[in-house]
Amino acid sequence: FVSKDTGADRSYRLGDCPVAEAAFERWITMDILENFVETDVEEIALGIGKVAHHFAARRNKTRAIGSA
């Protein structure tokens, strides 16, 4: 993209920012809208927690099998 401030080209190729690229492969991002009420956010957080717990349990099970 072209910087609105400087007019300079700010192109980033794959590999230019390896730490950020690795983080984006692991992160979950989502929009939180202004019309969400507290229960909406709590339910979203609960859902994310359930999925994270499920995948953590799978990873731990796979590690236990691999170390046997």
PDB file of N, CA and C in Angstrom:
ATOM      1  N   PHE A   1       0.832  -1.177   0.000  1.00  0.00           N
ATOM      2  CA  PHE A   1       0.000   0.000   0.000  1.00  0.00           C
ATOM      3  C   PHE A   1       0.873   1.236   0.000  1.00  0.00           C
ATOM      4  N   VAL A   2       0.284   2.368  -0.300  1.00  0.00           N
ATOM      5  CA  VAL A   2       1.013   3.629  -0.306  1.00  0.00           C
ATOM      6  C   VAL A   2       0.625   4.411   0.943  1.00  0.00           C
ATOM      7  N   SER A   3       1.626   4.836   1.694  1.00  0.00           N
ATOM      8  CA  SER A   3       1.395   5.590   2.916  1.00  0.00           C
ATOM      9  C   SER A   3       0.697   6.906   2.611  1.00  0.00           C
ATOM     10  N   LYS A   4      -0.396   7.180   3.302  1.00  0.00           N
ATOM     11  CA  LYS A   4      -1.093   8.459   3.141  1.00  0.00           C
ATOM     12  C   LYS A   4      -0.272   9.603   3.720  1.00  0.00           C
ATOM     13  N   ASP A   5       0.575   9.292   4.702  1.00  0.00           N
ATOM     14  CA  ASP A   5       1.379  10.330   5.352  1.00  0.00           C
ATOM     15  C   ASP A   5       2.584  10.755   4.509  1.00  0.00           C
ATOM     16  N   THR A   6       3.289   9.767   3.958  1.00  0.00           N
ATOM     17  CA  THR A   6       4.544  10.077   3.261  1.00  0.00           C
ATOM     18  C   THR A   6       4.488   9.858   1.757  1.00  0.00           C
ATOM     19  N   GLY A   7       3.475   9.127   1.287  1.00  0.00           N
ATOM     20  CA  GLY A   7       3.408   8.792  -0.124  1.00  0.00           C
ATOM     21  C   GLY A   7       4.329   7.650  -0.522  1.00  0.00           C
ATOM     22  N   ALA A   8       5.062   7.106   0.454  1.00  0.00           N
ATOM     23  CA  ALA A   8       6.004   6.024   0.178  1.00  0.00           C
ATOM     24  C   ALA A   8       5.267   4.697   0.016  1.00  0.00           C
ATOM     25  N   ASP A   9       5.809   3.849  -0.833  1.00  0.00           N
ATOM     26  CA  ASP A   9       5.286   2.505  -1.020  1.00  0.00           C
ATOM     27  C   ASP A   9       5.644   1.672   0.209  1.00  0.00           C
ATOM     28  N   ARG A  10       4.655   1.063   0.815  1.00  0.00           N
ATOM     29  CA  ARG A  10       4.870   0.223   1.997  1.00  0.00           C
ATOM     30  C   ARG A  10       4.476  -1.212   1.667  1.00  0.00           C
ATOM     31  N   SER A  11       5.201  -1.805   0.751  1.00  0.00           N
ATOM     32  CA  SER A  11       4.923  -3.180   0.361  1.00  0.00           C
ATOM     33  C   SER A  11       5.709  -4.129   1.254  1.00  0.00           C
ATOM     34  N   TYR A  12       5.035  -5.178   1.698  1.00  0.00           N
ATOM     35  CA  TYR A  12       5.670  -6.202   2.524  1.00  0.00           C
ATOM     36  C   TYR A  12       5.496  -7.536   1.814  1.00  0.00           C
ATOM     37  N   ARG A  13       6.607  -8.185   1.538  1.00  0.00           N
ATOM     38  CA  ARG A  13       6.576  -9.497   0.907  1.00  0.00           C
ATOM     39  C   ARG A  13       6.585 -10.576   1.987  1.00  0.00           C
ATOM     40  N   LEU A  14       6.102 -11.740   1.637  1.00  0.00           N
ATOM     41  CA  LEU A  14       6.134 -12.878   2.537  1.00  0.00           C
ATOM     42  C   LEU A  14       7.569 -13.091   3.011  1.00  0.00           C
ATOM     43  N   GLY A  15       7.758 -13.147   4.308  1.00  0.00           N
ATOM     44  CA  GLY A  15       9.082 -13.333   4.875  1.00  0.00           C
ATOM     45  C   GLY A  15       9.703 -12.051   5.398  1.00  0.00           C
ATOM     46  N   ASP A  16       9.147 -10.884   5.032  1.00  0.00           N
ATOM     47  CA  ASP A  16       9.681  -9.615   5.533  1.00  0.00           C
ATOM     48  C   ASP A  16       9.444  -9.441   7.032  1.00  0.00           C
ATOM     49  N   CYS A  17       8.373 -10.007   7.524  1.00  0.00           N
ATOM     50  CA  CYS A  17       7.997  -9.858   8.942  1.00  0.00           C
ATOM     51  C   CYS A  17       7.660 -11.236   9.519  1.00  0.00           C
ATOM     52  N   PRO A  18       8.653 -12.108   9.719  1.00  0.00           N
ATOM     53  CA  PRO A  18       8.372 -13.493  10.102  1.00  0.00           C
ATOM     54  C   PRO A  18       7.667 -13.642  11.448  1.00  0.00           C
ATOM     55  N   VAL A  19       7.972 -12.776  12.399  1.00  0.00           N
ATOM     56  CA  VAL A  19       7.320 -12.891  13.709  1.00  0.00           C
ATOM     57  C   VAL A  19       5.833 -12.566  13.585  1.00  0.00           C
ATOM     58  N   ALA A  20       5.514 -11.486  12.894  1.00  0.00           N
ATOM     59  CA  ALA A  20       4.110 -11.122  12.701  1.00  0.00           C
ATOM     60  C   ALA A  20       3.387 -12.182  11.873  1.00  0.00           C
ATOM     61  N   GLU A  21       4.033 -12.706  10.852  1.00  0.00           N
ATOM     62  CA  GLU A  21       3.415 -13.735  10.021  1.00  0.00           C
ATOM     63  C   GLU A  21       3.115 -14.985  10.834  1.00  0.00           C
ATOM     64  N   ALA A  22       4.027 -15.390  11.707  1.00  0.00           N
ATOM     65  CA  ALA A  22       3.795 -16.562  12.556  1.00  0.00           C
ATOM     66  C   ALA A  22       2.656 -16.309  13.537  1.00  0.00           C
ATOM     67  N   ALA A  23       2.599 -15.104  14.077  1.00  0.00           N
ATOM     68  CA  ALA A  23       1.529 -14.777  15.014  1.00  0.00           C
ATOM     69  C   ALA A  23       0.170 -14.824  14.328  1.00  0.00           C
ATOM     70  N   PHE A  24       0.078 -14.284  13.133  1.00  0.00           N
ATOM     71  CA  PHE A  24      -1.200 -14.276  12.420  1.00  0.00           C
ATOM     72  C   PHE A  24      -1.671 -15.675  12.068  1.00  0.00           C
ATOM     73  N   GLU A  25      -0.756 -16.636  11.985  1.00  0.00           N
ATOM     74  CA  GLU A  25      -1.157 -18.019  11.742  1.00  0.00           C
ATOM     75  C   GLU A  25      -1.790 -18.642  12.973  1.00  0.00           C
ATOM     76  N   ARG A  26      -1.528 -18.087  14.169  1.00  0.00           N
ATOM     77  CA  ARG A  26      -2.048 -18.650  15.415  1.00  0.00           C
ATOM     78  C   ARG A  26      -3.202 -17.854  16.009  1.00  0.00           C
ATOM     79  N   TRP A  27      -3.312 -16.603  15.669  1.00  0.00           N
ATOM     80  CA  TRP A  27      -4.311 -15.735  16.284  1.00  0.00           C
ATOM     81  C   TRP A  27      -5.709 -15.990  15.758  1.00  0.00           C
ATOM     82  N   ILE A  28      -6.654 -15.740  16.632  1.00  0.00           N
ATOM     83  CA  ILE A  28      -8.056 -15.699  16.243  1.00  0.00           C
ATOM     84  C   ILE A  28      -8.473 -14.246  16.391  1.00  0.00           C
ATOM     85  N   THR A  29      -8.986 -13.675  15.343  1.00  0.00           N
ATOM     86  CA  THR A  29      -9.465 -12.305  15.417  1.00  0.00           C
ATOM     87  C   THR A  29     -10.939 -12.275  15.053  1.00  0.00           C
ATOM     88  N   MET A  30     -11.634 -11.336  15.624  1.00  0.00           N
ATOM     89  CA  MET A  30     -13.051 -11.190  15.323  1.00  0.00           C
ATOM     90  C   MET A  30     -13.498  -9.778  15.652  1.00  0.00           C
ATOM     91  N   ASP A  31     -14.583  -9.411  15.070  1.00  0.00           N
ATOM     92  CA  ASP A  31     -15.137  -8.093  15.338  1.00  0.00           C
ATOM     93  C   ASP A  31     -16.019  -8.141  16.585  1.00  0.00           C
ATOM     94  N   ILE A  32     -15.907  -7.134  17.408  1.00  0.00           N
ATOM     95  CA  ILE A  32     -16.824  -6.928  18.525  1.00  0.00           C
ATOM     96  C   ILE A  32     -17.604  -5.672  18.163  1.00  0.00           C
ATOM     97  N   LEU A  33     -18.883  -5.816  17.971  1.00  0.00           N
ATOM     98  CA  LEU A  33     -19.697  -4.705  17.513  1.00  0.00           C
ATOM     99  C   LEU A  33     -20.292  -3.926  18.677  1.00  0.00           C
ATOM    100  N   GLU A  34     -20.559  -2.663  18.439  1.00  0.00           N
ATOM    101  CA  GLU A  34     -21.057  -1.796  19.506  1.00  0.00           C
ATOM    102  C   GLU A  34     -22.438  -2.198  19.996  1.00  0.00           C
ATOM    103  N   ASN A  35     -23.177  -2.977  19.211  1.00  0.00           N
ATOM    104  CA  ASN A  35     -24.498  -3.391  19.672  1.00  0.00           C
ATOM    105  C   ASN A  35     -24.477  -4.710  20.436  1.00  0.00           C
ATOM    106  N   PHE A  36     -23.310  -5.312  20.628  1.00  0.00           N
ATOM    107  CA  PHE A  36     -23.214  -6.513  21.446  1.00  0.00           C
ATOM    108  C   PHE A  36     -23.470  -6.144  22.907  1.00  0.00           C
ATOM    109  N   VAL A  37     -24.234  -6.980  23.576  1.00  0.00           N
ATOM    110  CA  VAL A  37     -24.436  -6.799  25.010  1.00  0.00           C
ATOM    111  C   VAL A  37     -23.464  -7.720  25.747  1.00  0.00           C
ATOM    112  N   GLU A  38     -23.374  -7.557  27.043  1.00  0.00           N
ATOM    113  CA  GLU A  38     -22.401  -8.314  27.834  1.00  0.00           C
ATOM    114  C   GLU A  38     -22.572  -9.819  27.657  1.00  0.00           C
ATOM    115  N   THR A  39     -23.804 -10.300  27.580  1.00  0.00           N
ATOM    116  CA  THR A  39     -24.002 -11.747  27.406  1.00  0.00           C
ATOM    117  C   THR A  39     -23.494 -12.226  26.049  1.00  0.00           C
ATOM    118  N   ASP A  40     -23.587 -11.390  25.018  1.00  0.00           N
ATOM    119  CA  ASP A  40     -23.027 -11.764  23.713  1.00  0.00           C
ATOM    120  C   ASP A  40     -21.523 -12.012  23.838  1.00  0.00           C
ATOM    121  N   VAL A  41     -20.830 -11.096  24.472  1.00  0.00           N
ATOM    122  CA  VAL A  41     -19.376 -11.214  24.619  1.00  0.00           C
ATOM    123  C   VAL A  41     -19.033 -12.421  25.488  1.00  0.00           C
ATOM    124  N   GLU A  42     -19.801 -12.644  26.557  1.00  0.00           N
ATOM    125  CA  GLU A  42     -19.550 -13.803  27.421  1.00  0.00           C
ATOM    126  C   GLU A  42     -19.749 -15.112  26.662  1.00  0.00           C
ATOM    127  N   GLU A  43     -20.785 -15.192  25.827  1.00  0.00           N
ATOM    128  CA  GLU A  43     -21.032 -16.407  25.055  1.00  0.00           C
ATOM    129  C   GLU A  43     -19.935 -16.643  24.010  1.00  0.00           C
ATOM    130  N   ILE A  44     -19.471 -15.575  23.389  1.00  0.00           N
ATOM    131  CA  ILE A  44     -18.375 -15.696  22.430  1.00  0.00           C
ATOM    132  C   ILE A  44     -17.121 -16.208  23.141  1.00  0.00           C
ATOM    133  N   ALA A  45     -16.807 -15.619  24.296  1.00  0.00           N
ATOM    134  CA  ALA A  45     -15.634 -16.038  25.061  1.00  0.00           C
ATOM    135  C   ALA A  45     -15.763 -17.497  25.496  1.00  0.00           C
ATOM    136  N   LEU A  46     -16.941 -17.901  25.914  1.00  0.00           N
ATOM    137  CA  LEU A  46     -17.164 -19.292  26.316  1.00  0.00           C
ATOM    138  C   LEU A  46     -16.923 -20.235  25.138  1.00  0.00           C
ATOM    139  N   GLY A  47     -17.431 -19.862  23.968  1.00  0.00           N
ATOM    140  CA  GLY A  47     -17.230 -20.693  22.780  1.00  0.00           C
ATOM    141  C   GLY A  47     -15.768 -20.824  22.410  1.00  0.00           C
ATOM    142  N   ILE A  48     -15.045 -19.726  22.452  1.00  0.00           N
ATOM    143  CA  ILE A  48     -13.612 -19.765  22.149  1.00  0.00           C
ATOM    144  C   ILE A  48     -12.887 -20.636  23.158  1.00  0.00           C
ATOM    145  N   GLY A  49     -13.249 -20.504  24.427  1.00  0.00           N
ATOM    146  CA  GLY A  49     -12.628 -21.316  25.472  1.00  0.00           C
ATOM    147  C   GLY A  49     -12.881 -22.806  25.274  1.00  0.00           C
ATOM    148  N   LYS A  50     -14.111 -23.163  24.885  1.00  0.00           N
ATOM    149  CA  LYS A  50     -14.436 -24.568  24.652  1.00  0.00           C
ATOM    150  C   LYS A  50     -13.605 -25.152  23.510  1.00  0.00           C
ATOM    151  N   VAL A  51     -13.489 -24.398  22.427  1.00  0.00           N
ATOM    152  CA  VAL A  51     -12.709 -24.871  21.285  1.00  0.00           C
ATOM    153  C   VAL A  51     -11.229 -24.983  21.662  1.00  0.00           C
ATOM    154  N   ALA A  52     -10.704 -23.973  22.354  1.00  0.00           N
ATOM    155  CA  ALA A  52      -9.297 -24.003  22.768  1.00  0.00           C
ATOM    156  C   ALA A  52      -9.037 -25.193  23.691  1.00  0.00           C
ATOM    157  N   HIS A  53      -9.941 -25.453  24.622  1.00  0.00           N
ATOM    158  CA  HIS A  53      -9.789 -26.587  25.547  1.00  0.00           C
ATOM    159  C   HIS A  53      -9.791 -27.902  24.771  1.00  0.00           C
ATOM    160  N   HIS A  54     -10.684 -28.029  23.814  1.00  0.00           N
ATOM    161  CA  HIS A  54     -10.764 -29.245  23.004  1.00  0.00           C
ATOM    162  C   HIS A  54      -9.451 -29.503  22.261  1.00  0.00           C
ATOM    163  N   PHE A  55      -8.918 -28.473  21.591  1.00  0.00           N
ATOM    164  CA  PHE A  55      -7.691 -28.660  20.824  1.00  0.00           C
ATOM    165  C   PHE A  55      -6.477 -28.855  21.727  1.00  0.00           C
ATOM    166  N   ALA A  56      -6.465 -28.225  22.904  1.00  0.00           N
ATOM    167  CA  ALA A  56      -5.362 -28.450  23.848  1.00  0.00           C
ATOM    168  C   ALA A  56      -5.383 -29.890  24.340  1.00  0.00           C
ATOM    169  N   ALA A  57      -6.568 -30.422  24.604  1.00  0.00           N
ATOM    170  CA  ALA A  57      -6.678 -31.814  25.057  1.00  0.00           C
ATOM    171  C   ALA A  57      -6.215 -32.769  23.964  1.00  0.00           C
ATOM    172  N   ARG A  58      -6.565 -32.478  22.700  1.00  0.00           N
ATOM    173  CA  ARG A  58      -6.110 -33.316  21.582  1.00  0.00           C
ATOM    174  C   ARG A  58      -4.600 -33.293  21.458  1.00  0.00           C
ATOM    175  N   ARG A  59      -4.013 -32.102  21.605  1.00  0.00           N
ATOM    176  CA  ARG A  59      -2.558 -31.986  21.476  1.00  0.00           C
ATOM    177  C   ARG A  59      -1.874 -32.746  22.606  1.00  0.00           C
ATOM    178  N   ASN A  60      -2.385 -32.608  23.832  1.00  0.00           N
ATOM    179  CA  ASN A  60      -1.792 -33.316  24.967  1.00  0.00           C
ATOM    180  C   ASN A  60      -1.922 -34.827  24.805  1.00  0.00           C
ATOM    181  N   LYS A  61      -3.042 -35.275  24.264  1.00  0.00           N
ATOM    182  CA  LYS A  61      -3.241 -36.709  24.037  1.00  0.00           C
ATOM    183  C   LYS A  61      -2.260 -37.218  22.987  1.00  0.00           C
ATOM    184  N   THR A  62      -2.070 -36.448  21.927  1.00  0.00           N
ATOM    185  CA  THR A  62      -1.132 -36.834  20.872  1.00  0.00           C
ATOM    186  C   THR A  62       0.293 -36.883  21.409  1.00  0.00           C
ATOM    187  N   ARG A  63       0.653 -35.928  22.238  1.00  0.00           N
ATOM    188  CA  ARG A  63       2.004 -35.932  22.836  1.00  0.00           C
ATOM    189  C   ARG A  63       2.198 -37.145  23.734  1.00  0.00           C
ATOM    190  N   ALA A  64       1.165 -37.487  24.515  1.00  0.00           N
ATOM    191  CA  ALA A  64       1.270 -38.646  25.419  1.00  0.00           C
ATOM    192  C   ALA A  64       1.445 -39.928  24.628  1.00  0.00           C
ATOM    193  N   ILE A  65       0.732 -40.071  23.526  1.00  0.00           N
ATOM    194  CA  ILE A  65       0.852 -41.258  22.691  1.00  0.00           C
ATOM    195  C   ILE A  65       2.230 -41.318  22.050  1.00  0.00           C
ATOM    196  N   GLY A  66       2.721 -40.169  21.583  1.00  0.00           N
ATOM    197  CA  GLY A  66       4.032 -40.118  20.921  1.00  0.00           C
ATOM    198  C   GLY A  66       5.183 -40.396  21.850  1.00  0.00           C
ATOM    199  N   SER A  67       5.024 -40.141  23.148  1.00  0.00           N
ATOM    200  CA  SER A  67       6.121 -40.343  24.090  1.00  0.00           C
ATOM    201  C   SER A  67       6.101 -41.722  24.713  1.00  0.00           C
ATOM    202  N   ALA A  68       5.066 -42.506  24.398  1.00  0.00           N
ATOM    203  CA  ALA A  68       4.948 -43.857  24.988  1.00  0.00           C
ATOM    204  C   ALA A  68       5.866 -44.834  24.317  1.00  0.00           C
TER     205      ALA A  68
END
